[in-house]
Amino acid sequence: MNAMSLISFALAAVLLSAACVKADRVRAWRHAFNPSGDELPDTAFTVGRVVFVVLAGVVAFSGFQLRAVAADSVWSDDELSHAVEYATADLDGHSYFGMDVPSDSDYESMVEDAVVRRGGGGAPENGVSATPGGTGTATQGAFTVTADGADASFCVSVTRTKSKDGGYDAPGIAGGPSGTADTVPLYELAATSHKGSC
C-alpha cells in the first residue's frame, strides 16, 4: 500500500509539472515533430492545464487514501497498549458459566478477542496473537500479546476461580433420570497485564 501511495504522489507531481509547461514550448515541440500540423489555440492549453491539475488532485487524494488504509491495516504500539489496558479491565472480574476445563487455546481466544474488541476505530480487527508464556493450568495462564505492525508486547495473566455465587442448575439431559439437574458452575476471571513478554 505504501508503494502504491508513493506512486500516486509521483504521478500527481508529473501531472502538475505537465500543467506548468508553457504553451510556446509545446508549440515548438509539435512543430519539430510535425511542421505541417495546425496550430493549437490558447483555449486548448487552458483546458489542458485545468485537466492536468484536476487529475493531479484526484491522484494525490487517492495517495492519501491509500496511506490511510495502510495505517489502518496494522497496529501501532499506542493502539496495542490502550487495547491491552482496556481488555485487561474487561477480563478482570468477568464471569461466565462453563462445564469443561478450559485449555490454553480457550484463554488465548478470550485474550485475543478482548484486545481486538478494545482496539478502537483506528486499529485493525485482526492481527493480534496471544502466545502462552510458560506452563498454564486449567485455572490460570499467562500470554504474551503481540500485534501485526507493533513492536511492543504485553504479558496478560488470567486466573479463573469458581464463583461463590454458585452456578446454574440446568434441566436434566434428555434420556436421564427425570427431575435431575446438572449444575453448571459460574467462574470468575482475574486479569493483570504488564509491558514485555511473559
N, C-alpha and C. Protein backbone atom coordinates (compact mmCIF):
# COMPACT_ATOMS: atom_id res chain seq x y z
N MET A 1 0.81 -1.20 0.00
CA MET A 1 0.00 0.00 0.00
C MET A 1 0.86 1.26 0.00
N ASN A 2 1.93 1.24 0.80
CA ASN A 2 2.78 2.43 0.86
C ASN A 2 3.44 2.70 -0.49
N ALA A 3 3.85 1.63 -1.19
CA ALA A 3 4.46 1.80 -2.50
C ALA A 3 3.46 2.40 -3.49
N MET A 4 2.22 1.93 -3.41
CA MET A 4 1.20 2.46 -4.32
C MET A 4 0.91 3.93 -4.03
N SER A 5 0.92 4.30 -2.75
CA SER A 5 0.67 5.71 -2.42
C SER A 5 1.82 6.59 -2.91
N LEU A 6 3.06 6.09 -2.83
CA LEU A 6 4.21 6.86 -3.34
C LEU A 6 4.11 7.02 -4.85
N ILE A 7 3.67 5.96 -5.54
CA ILE A 7 3.49 6.06 -6.99
C ILE A 7 2.42 7.10 -7.31
N SER A 8 1.35 7.14 -6.51
CA SER A 8 0.29 8.12 -6.72
C SER A 8 0.82 9.54 -6.57
N PHE A 9 1.63 9.78 -5.52
CA PHE A 9 2.18 11.12 -5.32
C PHE A 9 3.14 11.50 -6.44
N ALA A 10 3.94 10.54 -6.92
CA ALA A 10 4.85 10.82 -8.02
C ALA A 10 4.08 11.16 -9.30
N LEU A 11 3.01 10.41 -9.56
CA LEU A 11 2.19 10.67 -10.74
C LEU A 11 1.52 12.04 -10.64
N ALA A 12 1.06 12.41 -9.44
CA ALA A 12 0.46 13.73 -9.24
C ALA A 12 1.48 14.83 -9.52
N ALA A 13 2.73 14.62 -9.10
CA ALA A 13 3.78 15.62 -9.36
C ALA A 13 4.05 15.75 -10.85
N VAL A 14 4.05 14.61 -11.57
CA VAL A 14 4.26 14.65 -13.02
C VAL A 14 3.13 15.41 -13.70
N LEU A 15 1.90 15.16 -13.28
CA LEU A 15 0.75 15.85 -13.87
C LEU A 15 0.81 17.35 -13.61
N LEU A 16 1.20 17.73 -12.40
CA LEU A 16 1.33 19.16 -12.10
C LEU A 16 2.45 19.80 -12.93
N SER A 17 3.54 19.06 -13.12
CA SER A 17 4.63 19.57 -13.95
C SER A 17 4.16 19.77 -15.39
N ALA A 18 3.36 18.82 -15.89
CA ALA A 18 2.84 18.94 -17.25
C ALA A 18 1.93 20.15 -17.38
N ALA A 19 1.20 20.47 -16.32
CA ALA A 19 0.32 21.64 -16.35
C ALA A 19 1.10 22.95 -16.38
N CYS A 20 2.35 22.91 -15.93
CA CYS A 20 3.15 24.13 -15.86
C CYS A 20 3.98 24.41 -17.12
N VAL A 21 3.96 23.48 -18.07
CA VAL A 21 4.74 23.68 -19.30
C VAL A 21 4.12 24.82 -20.10
N LYS A 22 4.97 25.73 -20.60
CA LYS A 22 4.47 26.90 -21.34
C LYS A 22 3.97 26.49 -22.72
N ALA A 23 2.97 27.23 -23.18
CA ALA A 23 2.35 26.95 -24.48
C ALA A 23 3.36 27.07 -25.62
N ASP A 24 4.26 28.07 -25.55
CA ASP A 24 5.25 28.25 -26.62
C ASP A 24 6.18 27.05 -26.74
N ARG A 25 6.54 26.46 -25.61
CA ARG A 25 7.42 25.29 -25.64
C ARG A 25 6.70 24.10 -26.28
N VAL A 26 5.41 23.89 -25.94
CA VAL A 26 4.65 22.79 -26.53
C VAL A 26 4.51 23.01 -28.04
N ARG A 27 4.27 24.27 -28.46
CA ARG A 27 4.15 24.56 -29.89
C ARG A 27 5.47 24.27 -30.61
N ALA A 28 6.58 24.60 -29.96
CA ALA A 28 7.90 24.34 -30.57
C ALA A 28 8.13 22.84 -30.73
N TRP A 29 7.75 22.04 -29.69
CA TRP A 29 7.90 20.58 -29.79
C TRP A 29 7.03 20.01 -30.90
N ARG A 30 5.80 20.49 -30.98
CA ARG A 30 4.89 20.00 -32.01
C ARG A 30 5.42 20.35 -33.40
N HIS A 31 5.94 21.55 -33.52
CA HIS A 31 6.46 21.98 -34.82
C HIS A 31 7.69 21.15 -35.21
N ALA A 32 8.51 20.77 -34.22
CA ALA A 32 9.70 19.95 -34.51
C ALA A 32 9.30 18.57 -35.00
N PHE A 33 8.24 17.99 -34.45
CA PHE A 33 7.82 16.65 -34.84
C PHE A 33 6.86 16.66 -36.03
N ASN A 34 6.07 17.71 -36.15
CA ASN A 34 5.07 17.77 -37.22
C ASN A 34 4.98 19.22 -37.72
N PRO A 35 5.90 19.61 -38.58
CA PRO A 35 5.95 21.01 -39.01
C PRO A 35 4.69 21.47 -39.76
N SER A 36 3.97 20.55 -40.38
CA SER A 36 2.80 20.96 -41.16
C SER A 36 1.51 20.91 -40.35
N GLY A 37 1.60 20.58 -39.06
CA GLY A 37 0.39 20.48 -38.23
C GLY A 37 -0.22 21.83 -37.94
N ASP A 38 -1.53 21.79 -37.64
CA ASP A 38 -2.25 23.03 -37.30
C ASP A 38 -1.78 23.55 -35.94
N GLU A 39 -1.86 24.87 -35.80
CA GLU A 39 -1.53 25.49 -34.52
C GLU A 39 -2.68 25.26 -33.53
N LEU A 40 -2.31 25.01 -32.28
CA LEU A 40 -3.32 24.82 -31.24
C LEU A 40 -3.72 26.18 -30.67
N PRO A 41 -5.02 26.38 -30.45
CA PRO A 41 -5.44 27.66 -29.86
C PRO A 41 -5.09 27.72 -28.38
N ASP A 42 -5.04 28.93 -27.84
CA ASP A 42 -4.71 29.12 -26.42
C ASP A 42 -5.74 28.45 -25.50
N THR A 43 -6.98 28.37 -25.94
CA THR A 43 -8.00 27.73 -25.10
C THR A 43 -7.70 26.24 -24.89
N ALA A 44 -7.09 25.60 -25.88
CA ALA A 44 -6.73 24.19 -25.74
C ALA A 44 -5.70 24.02 -24.61
N PHE A 45 -4.76 24.95 -24.52
CA PHE A 45 -3.76 24.87 -23.45
C PHE A 45 -4.39 25.14 -22.09
N THR A 46 -5.34 26.07 -22.05
CA THR A 46 -6.02 26.37 -20.79
C THR A 46 -6.81 25.15 -20.31
N VAL A 47 -7.56 24.54 -21.22
CA VAL A 47 -8.33 23.35 -20.87
C VAL A 47 -7.38 22.22 -20.45
N GLY A 48 -6.29 22.04 -21.16
CA GLY A 48 -5.31 21.00 -20.82
C GLY A 48 -4.73 21.21 -19.43
N ARG A 49 -4.41 22.47 -19.09
CA ARG A 49 -3.87 22.76 -17.75
C ARG A 49 -4.88 22.42 -16.66
N VAL A 50 -6.13 22.81 -16.90
CA VAL A 50 -7.18 22.52 -15.91
C VAL A 50 -7.33 21.01 -15.73
N VAL A 51 -7.33 20.27 -16.84
CA VAL A 51 -7.47 18.82 -16.77
C VAL A 51 -6.29 18.21 -16.00
N PHE A 52 -5.06 18.66 -16.29
CA PHE A 52 -3.89 18.13 -15.58
C PHE A 52 -3.95 18.42 -14.09
N VAL A 53 -4.38 19.63 -13.72
CA VAL A 53 -4.44 19.99 -12.30
C VAL A 53 -5.51 19.16 -11.59
N VAL A 54 -6.67 19.00 -12.23
CA VAL A 54 -7.74 18.19 -11.63
C VAL A 54 -7.28 16.74 -11.47
N LEU A 55 -6.66 16.19 -12.50
CA LEU A 55 -6.16 14.81 -12.41
C LEU A 55 -5.11 14.66 -11.32
N ALA A 56 -4.23 15.66 -11.20
CA ALA A 56 -3.20 15.63 -10.15
C ALA A 56 -3.86 15.63 -8.78
N GLY A 57 -4.91 16.42 -8.60
CA GLY A 57 -5.63 16.45 -7.33
C GLY A 57 -6.28 15.12 -7.01
N VAL A 58 -6.91 14.50 -8.01
CA VAL A 58 -7.57 13.20 -7.80
C VAL A 58 -6.54 12.13 -7.45
N VAL A 59 -5.42 12.12 -8.16
CA VAL A 59 -4.38 11.11 -7.90
C VAL A 59 -3.74 11.33 -6.53
N ALA A 60 -3.50 12.59 -6.15
CA ALA A 60 -2.93 12.87 -4.83
C ALA A 60 -3.91 12.46 -3.73
N PHE A 61 -5.19 12.74 -3.92
CA PHE A 61 -6.21 12.32 -2.95
C PHE A 61 -6.21 10.81 -2.80
N SER A 62 -6.09 10.10 -3.91
CA SER A 62 -6.03 8.63 -3.86
C SER A 62 -4.80 8.17 -3.08
N GLY A 63 -3.70 8.87 -3.25
CA GLY A 63 -2.49 8.53 -2.50
C GLY A 63 -2.69 8.68 -1.00
N PHE A 64 -3.37 9.76 -0.59
CA PHE A 64 -3.64 9.95 0.84
C PHE A 64 -4.59 8.87 1.35
N GLN A 65 -5.57 8.49 0.54
CA GLN A 65 -6.49 7.43 0.94
C GLN A 65 -5.75 6.11 1.11
N LEU A 66 -4.82 5.82 0.20
CA LEU A 66 -4.04 4.58 0.30
C LEU A 66 -3.18 4.57 1.57
N ARG A 67 -2.63 5.73 1.91
CA ARG A 67 -1.83 5.81 3.14
C ARG A 67 -2.70 5.58 4.37
N ALA A 68 -3.93 6.11 4.35
CA ALA A 68 -4.84 5.91 5.47
C ALA A 68 -5.22 4.44 5.61
N VAL A 69 -5.46 3.79 4.47
CA VAL A 69 -5.80 2.36 4.50
C VAL A 69 -4.61 1.56 5.04
N ALA A 70 -3.41 1.91 4.60
CA ALA A 70 -2.21 1.21 5.07
C ALA A 70 -2.03 1.39 6.58
N ALA A 71 -2.30 2.60 7.07
CA ALA A 71 -2.16 2.86 8.51
C ALA A 71 -3.19 2.09 9.31
N ASP A 72 -4.39 1.89 8.75
CA ASP A 72 -5.44 1.16 9.46
C ASP A 72 -5.28 -0.35 9.37
N SER A 73 -4.35 -0.84 8.57
CA SER A 73 -4.21 -2.28 8.40
C SER A 73 -3.19 -2.90 9.35
N VAL A 74 -2.49 -2.08 10.12
CA VAL A 74 -1.53 -2.59 11.10
C VAL A 74 -1.73 -1.86 12.43
N TRP A 75 -1.25 -2.48 13.49
CA TRP A 75 -1.36 -1.93 14.83
C TRP A 75 -0.17 -1.03 15.12
N SER A 76 -0.40 0.03 15.87
CA SER A 76 0.69 0.84 16.40
C SER A 76 0.92 0.43 17.85
N ASP A 77 2.06 0.81 18.41
CA ASP A 77 2.35 0.48 19.81
C ASP A 77 1.32 1.10 20.74
N ASP A 78 0.92 2.36 20.46
CA ASP A 78 -0.08 3.03 21.30
C ASP A 78 -1.43 2.34 21.24
N GLU A 79 -1.85 1.95 20.03
CA GLU A 79 -3.13 1.24 19.88
C GLU A 79 -3.12 -0.06 20.67
N LEU A 80 -2.02 -0.80 20.57
CA LEU A 80 -1.93 -2.08 21.28
C LEU A 80 -1.89 -1.85 22.79
N SER A 81 -1.15 -0.85 23.23
CA SER A 81 -1.05 -0.56 24.65
C SER A 81 -2.42 -0.24 25.25
N HIS A 82 -3.17 0.64 24.58
CA HIS A 82 -4.50 1.00 25.08
C HIS A 82 -5.45 -0.19 25.02
N ALA A 83 -5.39 -0.96 23.93
CA ALA A 83 -6.28 -2.11 23.79
C ALA A 83 -6.02 -3.14 24.88
N VAL A 84 -4.75 -3.41 25.18
CA VAL A 84 -4.42 -4.38 26.24
C VAL A 84 -4.89 -3.86 27.60
N GLU A 85 -4.69 -2.57 27.84
CA GLU A 85 -5.12 -1.99 29.12
C GLU A 85 -6.63 -2.16 29.33
N TYR A 86 -7.42 -1.80 28.31
CA TYR A 86 -8.87 -1.91 28.44
C TYR A 86 -9.34 -3.36 28.41
N ALA A 87 -8.68 -4.20 27.62
CA ALA A 87 -9.04 -5.62 27.57
C ALA A 87 -8.80 -6.27 28.93
N THR A 88 -7.70 -5.92 29.59
CA THR A 88 -7.41 -6.46 30.91
C THR A 88 -8.50 -6.05 31.90
N ALA A 89 -8.92 -4.79 31.82
CA ALA A 89 -10.00 -4.33 32.70
C ALA A 89 -11.30 -5.08 32.41
N ASP A 90 -11.56 -5.38 31.13
CA ASP A 90 -12.77 -6.14 30.77
C ASP A 90 -12.71 -7.56 31.32
N LEU A 91 -11.55 -8.20 31.20
CA LEU A 91 -11.41 -9.59 31.65
C LEU A 91 -11.40 -9.69 33.17
N ASP A 92 -10.86 -8.69 33.84
CA ASP A 92 -10.78 -8.71 35.30
C ASP A 92 -12.18 -8.57 35.88
N GLY A 93 -12.64 -9.60 36.54
CA GLY A 93 -13.99 -9.58 37.11
C GLY A 93 -15.05 -10.16 36.19
N HIS A 94 -14.66 -10.54 34.97
CA HIS A 94 -15.62 -11.15 34.03
C HIS A 94 -16.05 -12.51 34.56
N SER A 95 -17.34 -12.79 34.49
CA SER A 95 -17.83 -14.09 34.94
C SER A 95 -18.57 -14.79 33.80
N TYR A 96 -18.54 -16.11 33.85
CA TYR A 96 -19.21 -16.90 32.81
C TYR A 96 -19.51 -18.29 33.35
N PHE A 97 -20.50 -18.94 32.75
CA PHE A 97 -20.83 -20.31 33.10
C PHE A 97 -20.02 -21.24 32.21
N GLY A 98 -19.52 -22.34 32.78
CA GLY A 98 -18.76 -23.29 31.98
C GLY A 98 -18.76 -24.66 32.61
N MET A 99 -18.82 -25.66 31.78
CA MET A 99 -18.83 -27.04 32.27
C MET A 99 -17.44 -27.67 32.18
N ASP A 100 -16.76 -27.39 31.08
CA ASP A 100 -15.50 -28.09 30.86
C ASP A 100 -14.33 -27.30 31.41
N VAL A 101 -13.21 -27.97 31.49
CA VAL A 101 -11.97 -27.34 31.93
C VAL A 101 -11.37 -26.63 30.72
N PRO A 102 -11.17 -25.32 30.79
CA PRO A 102 -10.65 -24.62 29.60
C PRO A 102 -9.20 -24.97 29.33
N SER A 103 -8.85 -24.90 28.07
CA SER A 103 -7.47 -25.15 27.67
C SER A 103 -6.79 -23.81 27.43
N ASP A 104 -5.48 -23.88 27.15
CA ASP A 104 -4.74 -22.64 26.82
C ASP A 104 -5.40 -21.92 25.66
N SER A 105 -5.88 -22.69 24.67
CA SER A 105 -6.45 -22.05 23.49
C SER A 105 -7.73 -21.28 23.83
N ASP A 106 -8.48 -21.75 24.84
CA ASP A 106 -9.67 -21.00 25.27
C ASP A 106 -9.27 -19.65 25.86
N TYR A 107 -8.26 -19.67 26.71
CA TYR A 107 -7.79 -18.41 27.28
C TYR A 107 -7.21 -17.51 26.19
N GLU A 108 -6.45 -18.11 25.28
CA GLU A 108 -5.89 -17.33 24.17
C GLU A 108 -6.99 -16.60 23.42
N SER A 109 -8.05 -17.33 23.10
CA SER A 109 -9.17 -16.73 22.36
C SER A 109 -9.80 -15.60 23.16
N MET A 110 -9.98 -15.81 24.46
CA MET A 110 -10.56 -14.76 25.30
C MET A 110 -9.71 -13.50 25.26
N VAL A 111 -8.40 -13.67 25.43
CA VAL A 111 -7.49 -12.52 25.46
C VAL A 111 -7.46 -11.84 24.10
N GLU A 112 -7.29 -12.62 23.03
CA GLU A 112 -7.23 -12.04 21.68
C GLU A 112 -8.51 -11.29 21.35
N ASP A 113 -9.67 -11.90 21.63
CA ASP A 113 -10.94 -11.26 21.32
C ASP A 113 -11.12 -9.96 22.10
N ALA A 114 -10.72 -9.98 23.38
CA ALA A 114 -10.85 -8.77 24.20
C ALA A 114 -9.97 -7.64 23.68
N VAL A 115 -8.74 -7.97 23.27
CA VAL A 115 -7.82 -6.94 22.76
C VAL A 115 -8.34 -6.38 21.44
N VAL A 116 -8.78 -7.24 20.53
CA VAL A 116 -9.30 -6.77 19.24
C VAL A 116 -10.54 -5.90 19.46
N ARG A 117 -11.41 -6.33 20.37
CA ARG A 117 -12.64 -5.58 20.63
C ARG A 117 -12.33 -4.19 21.17
N ARG A 118 -11.25 -4.06 21.93
CA ARG A 118 -10.88 -2.78 22.53
C ARG A 118 -9.87 -2.00 21.69
N GLY A 119 -9.61 -2.45 20.46
CA GLY A 119 -8.62 -1.79 19.61
C GLY A 119 -9.01 -0.39 19.17
N GLY A 120 -10.28 -0.08 19.12
CA GLY A 120 -10.72 1.25 18.72
C GLY A 120 -10.88 1.34 17.21
N GLY A 121 -11.30 2.52 16.76
CA GLY A 121 -11.62 2.72 15.35
C GLY A 121 -10.43 2.68 14.42
N GLY A 122 -9.24 3.07 14.89
CA GLY A 122 -8.09 3.12 14.01
C GLY A 122 -7.34 1.81 13.89
N ALA A 123 -7.60 0.88 14.80
CA ALA A 123 -6.87 -0.39 14.79
C ALA A 123 -7.60 -1.41 13.93
N PRO A 124 -6.85 -2.32 13.31
CA PRO A 124 -7.50 -3.37 12.52
C PRO A 124 -8.25 -4.35 13.42
N GLU A 125 -9.11 -5.14 12.81
CA GLU A 125 -9.90 -6.10 13.57
C GLU A 125 -9.29 -7.50 13.53
N ASN A 126 -7.99 -7.56 13.32
CA ASN A 126 -7.28 -8.84 13.33
C ASN A 126 -5.80 -8.56 13.58
N GLY A 127 -4.99 -9.60 13.49
CA GLY A 127 -3.54 -9.42 13.64
C GLY A 127 -3.04 -9.49 15.06
N VAL A 128 -3.91 -9.82 16.02
CA VAL A 128 -3.49 -9.93 17.42
C VAL A 128 -3.25 -11.40 17.74
N SER A 129 -2.17 -11.68 18.45
CA SER A 129 -1.94 -13.06 18.88
C SER A 129 -1.53 -13.07 20.35
N ALA A 130 -2.08 -14.06 21.07
CA ALA A 130 -1.76 -14.27 22.48
C ALA A 130 -1.06 -15.62 22.58
N THR A 131 0.24 -15.58 22.84
CA THR A 131 1.05 -16.79 22.88
C THR A 131 1.28 -17.20 24.33
N PRO A 132 0.98 -18.46 24.67
CA PRO A 132 1.19 -18.90 26.05
C PRO A 132 2.65 -18.72 26.46
N GLY A 133 2.84 -18.15 27.64
CA GLY A 133 4.19 -17.96 28.17
C GLY A 133 4.37 -18.85 29.39
N GLY A 134 5.12 -19.89 29.26
CA GLY A 134 5.31 -20.81 30.38
C GLY A 134 4.23 -21.87 30.39
N THR A 135 4.10 -22.53 31.53
CA THR A 135 3.13 -23.62 31.64
C THR A 135 1.86 -23.08 32.26
N GLY A 136 0.77 -23.23 31.53
CA GLY A 136 -0.53 -22.82 32.04
C GLY A 136 -1.24 -24.00 32.66
N THR A 137 -2.25 -23.71 33.45
CA THR A 137 -3.07 -24.76 34.05
C THR A 137 -4.52 -24.49 33.69
N ALA A 138 -5.41 -25.33 34.20
CA ALA A 138 -6.83 -25.14 33.93
C ALA A 138 -7.36 -23.89 34.61
N THR A 139 -6.67 -23.42 35.63
CA THR A 139 -7.17 -22.25 36.36
C THR A 139 -6.40 -20.97 36.11
N GLN A 140 -5.27 -21.05 35.42
CA GLN A 140 -4.53 -19.82 35.15
C GLN A 140 -3.63 -19.97 33.94
N GLY A 141 -3.26 -18.83 33.38
CA GLY A 141 -2.36 -18.81 32.23
C GLY A 141 -1.80 -17.41 32.04
N ALA A 142 -0.64 -17.35 31.43
CA ALA A 142 -0.01 -16.06 31.10
C ALA A 142 0.27 -16.06 29.61
N PHE A 143 -0.04 -14.95 28.95
CA PHE A 143 0.02 -14.89 27.49
C PHE A 143 0.74 -13.63 27.04
N THR A 144 1.69 -13.81 26.13
CA THR A 144 2.36 -12.66 25.53
C THR A 144 1.52 -12.19 24.35
N VAL A 145 1.05 -10.95 24.44
CA VAL A 145 0.18 -10.38 23.41
C VAL A 145 1.01 -9.51 22.48
N THR A 146 0.95 -9.82 21.19
CA THR A 146 1.61 -9.04 20.16
C THR A 146 0.60 -8.75 19.06
N ALA A 147 0.95 -7.81 18.18
CA ALA A 147 0.05 -7.47 17.08
C ALA A 147 0.87 -7.09 15.86
N ASP A 148 0.33 -7.37 14.68
CA ASP A 148 1.00 -7.04 13.42
C ASP A 148 1.26 -5.54 13.34
N GLY A 149 2.51 -5.18 13.10
CA GLY A 149 2.88 -3.77 12.94
C GLY A 149 3.38 -3.12 14.21
N ALA A 150 3.08 -3.69 15.37
CA ALA A 150 3.51 -3.10 16.65
C ALA A 150 4.78 -3.79 17.13
N ASP A 151 5.71 -3.00 17.65
CA ASP A 151 6.95 -3.56 18.20
C ASP A 151 6.78 -3.98 19.65
N ALA A 152 5.82 -3.38 20.34
CA ALA A 152 5.62 -3.65 21.77
C ALA A 152 4.95 -5.00 21.98
N SER A 153 5.18 -5.57 23.16
CA SER A 153 4.49 -6.79 23.57
C SER A 153 4.05 -6.61 25.02
N PHE A 154 3.01 -7.34 25.39
CA PHE A 154 2.46 -7.23 26.74
C PHE A 154 2.17 -8.62 27.28
N CYS A 155 2.32 -8.77 28.59
CA CYS A 155 2.02 -10.03 29.24
C CYS A 155 0.68 -9.88 29.96
N VAL A 156 -0.27 -10.72 29.58
CA VAL A 156 -1.59 -10.72 30.23
C VAL A 156 -1.73 -12.03 30.99
N SER A 157 -1.96 -11.92 32.30
CA SER A 157 -2.15 -13.10 33.14
C SER A 157 -3.63 -13.21 33.50
N VAL A 158 -4.17 -14.43 33.36
CA VAL A 158 -5.58 -14.68 33.63
C VAL A 158 -5.68 -15.82 34.64
N THR A 159 -6.49 -15.60 35.68
CA THR A 159 -6.73 -16.63 36.68
C THR A 159 -8.23 -16.86 36.79
N ARG A 160 -8.62 -18.14 36.80
CA ARG A 160 -10.04 -18.49 36.87
C ARG A 160 -10.33 -19.13 38.22
N THR A 161 -11.38 -18.64 38.89
CA THR A 161 -11.81 -19.23 40.16
C THR A 161 -13.31 -19.49 40.10
N LYS A 162 -13.74 -20.49 40.87
CA LYS A 162 -15.17 -20.80 40.95
C LYS A 162 -15.83 -19.73 41.80
N SER A 163 -16.92 -19.19 41.28
CA SER A 163 -17.61 -18.11 41.98
C SER A 163 -18.31 -18.62 43.23
N LYS A 164 -18.35 -17.78 44.25
CA LYS A 164 -19.06 -18.12 45.48
C LYS A 164 -20.57 -18.02 45.29
N ASP A 165 -20.98 -17.41 44.18
CA ASP A 165 -22.42 -17.27 43.92
C ASP A 165 -23.06 -18.56 43.43
N GLY A 166 -22.28 -19.61 43.33
CA GLY A 166 -22.82 -20.90 42.92
C GLY A 166 -22.79 -21.08 41.43
N GLY A 167 -23.89 -21.58 40.89
CA GLY A 167 -23.94 -21.85 39.46
C GLY A 167 -25.37 -21.86 38.98
N TYR A 168 -25.56 -22.54 37.89
CA TYR A 168 -26.87 -22.60 37.25
C TYR A 168 -27.31 -24.05 37.21
N ASP A 169 -28.49 -24.33 37.72
CA ASP A 169 -29.00 -25.69 37.69
C ASP A 169 -29.72 -25.91 36.38
N ALA A 170 -29.06 -26.61 35.48
CA ALA A 170 -29.63 -26.87 34.16
C ALA A 170 -30.57 -28.06 34.25
N PRO A 171 -31.64 -28.09 33.45
CA PRO A 171 -32.53 -29.26 33.43
C PRO A 171 -31.75 -30.51 33.06
N GLY A 172 -32.26 -31.66 33.48
CA GLY A 172 -31.58 -32.92 33.21
C GLY A 172 -31.42 -33.16 31.72
N ILE A 173 -30.41 -33.93 31.37
CA ILE A 173 -30.15 -34.25 29.97
C ILE A 173 -31.22 -35.21 29.49
N ALA A 174 -31.66 -35.05 28.25
CA ALA A 174 -32.70 -35.92 27.69
C ALA A 174 -32.29 -37.37 27.83
N GLY A 175 -33.21 -38.19 28.33
CA GLY A 175 -32.91 -39.60 28.50
C GLY A 175 -32.39 -39.93 29.88
N GLY A 176 -32.06 -38.91 30.67
CA GLY A 176 -31.57 -39.15 32.02
C GLY A 176 -32.72 -39.29 32.98
N PRO A 177 -32.39 -39.55 34.23
CA PRO A 177 -33.45 -39.69 35.22
C PRO A 177 -34.26 -38.40 35.31
N SER A 178 -35.57 -38.52 35.36
CA SER A 178 -36.41 -37.33 35.39
C SER A 178 -36.23 -36.60 36.71
N GLY A 179 -36.29 -35.30 36.60
CA GLY A 179 -36.19 -34.48 37.79
C GLY A 179 -34.77 -34.17 38.22
N THR A 180 -33.76 -34.75 37.57
CA THR A 180 -32.38 -34.45 37.96
C THR A 180 -31.92 -33.18 37.24
N ALA A 181 -30.95 -32.53 37.80
CA ALA A 181 -30.42 -31.31 37.20
C ALA A 181 -28.90 -31.34 37.29
N ASP A 182 -28.27 -30.81 36.28
CA ASP A 182 -26.82 -30.67 36.28
C ASP A 182 -26.48 -29.24 36.63
N THR A 183 -25.55 -29.05 37.54
CA THR A 183 -25.16 -27.70 37.94
C THR A 183 -24.01 -27.24 37.05
N VAL A 184 -24.25 -26.13 36.39
CA VAL A 184 -23.20 -25.51 35.56
C VAL A 184 -22.52 -24.47 36.43
N PRO A 185 -21.24 -24.66 36.74
CA PRO A 185 -20.58 -23.73 37.66
C PRO A 185 -20.37 -22.35 37.03
N LEU A 186 -20.38 -21.35 37.90
CA LEU A 186 -20.09 -19.97 37.50
C LEU A 186 -18.63 -19.69 37.84
N TYR A 187 -17.89 -19.22 36.86
CA TYR A 187 -16.47 -18.90 37.06
C TYR A 187 -16.25 -17.40 36.95
N GLU A 188 -15.25 -16.93 37.68
CA GLU A 188 -14.84 -15.52 37.60
C GLU A 188 -13.38 -15.46 37.19
N LEU A 189 -13.08 -14.44 36.41
CA LEU A 189 -11.70 -14.25 35.96
C LEU A 189 -11.05 -13.08 36.70
N ALA A 190 -9.78 -13.21 36.96
CA ALA A 190 -8.97 -12.10 37.43
C ALA A 190 -7.86 -11.93 36.40
N ALA A 191 -7.61 -10.70 35.98
CA ALA A 191 -6.61 -10.48 34.93
C ALA A 191 -5.71 -9.32 35.30
N THR A 192 -4.44 -9.45 34.97
CA THR A 192 -3.46 -8.37 35.13
C THR A 192 -2.61 -8.34 33.85
N SER A 193 -1.95 -7.22 33.64
CA SER A 193 -1.07 -7.11 32.48
C SER A 193 0.10 -6.20 32.80
N HIS A 194 1.18 -6.41 32.08
CA HIS A 194 2.34 -5.52 32.17
C HIS A 194 3.08 -5.55 30.83
N LYS A 195 3.87 -4.53 30.61
CA LYS A 195 4.61 -4.44 29.35
C LYS A 195 5.72 -5.46 29.32
N GLY A 196 5.95 -6.05 28.15
CA GLY A 196 7.00 -7.05 27.99
C GLY A 196 6.45 -8.44 27.85
N SER A 197 7.31 -9.36 27.48
CA SER A 197 6.89 -10.76 27.31
C SER A 197 6.71 -11.44 28.65
N CYS A 198 5.96 -12.53 28.64
CA CYS A 198 5.74 -13.30 29.88
C CYS A 198 6.94 -14.20 30.15
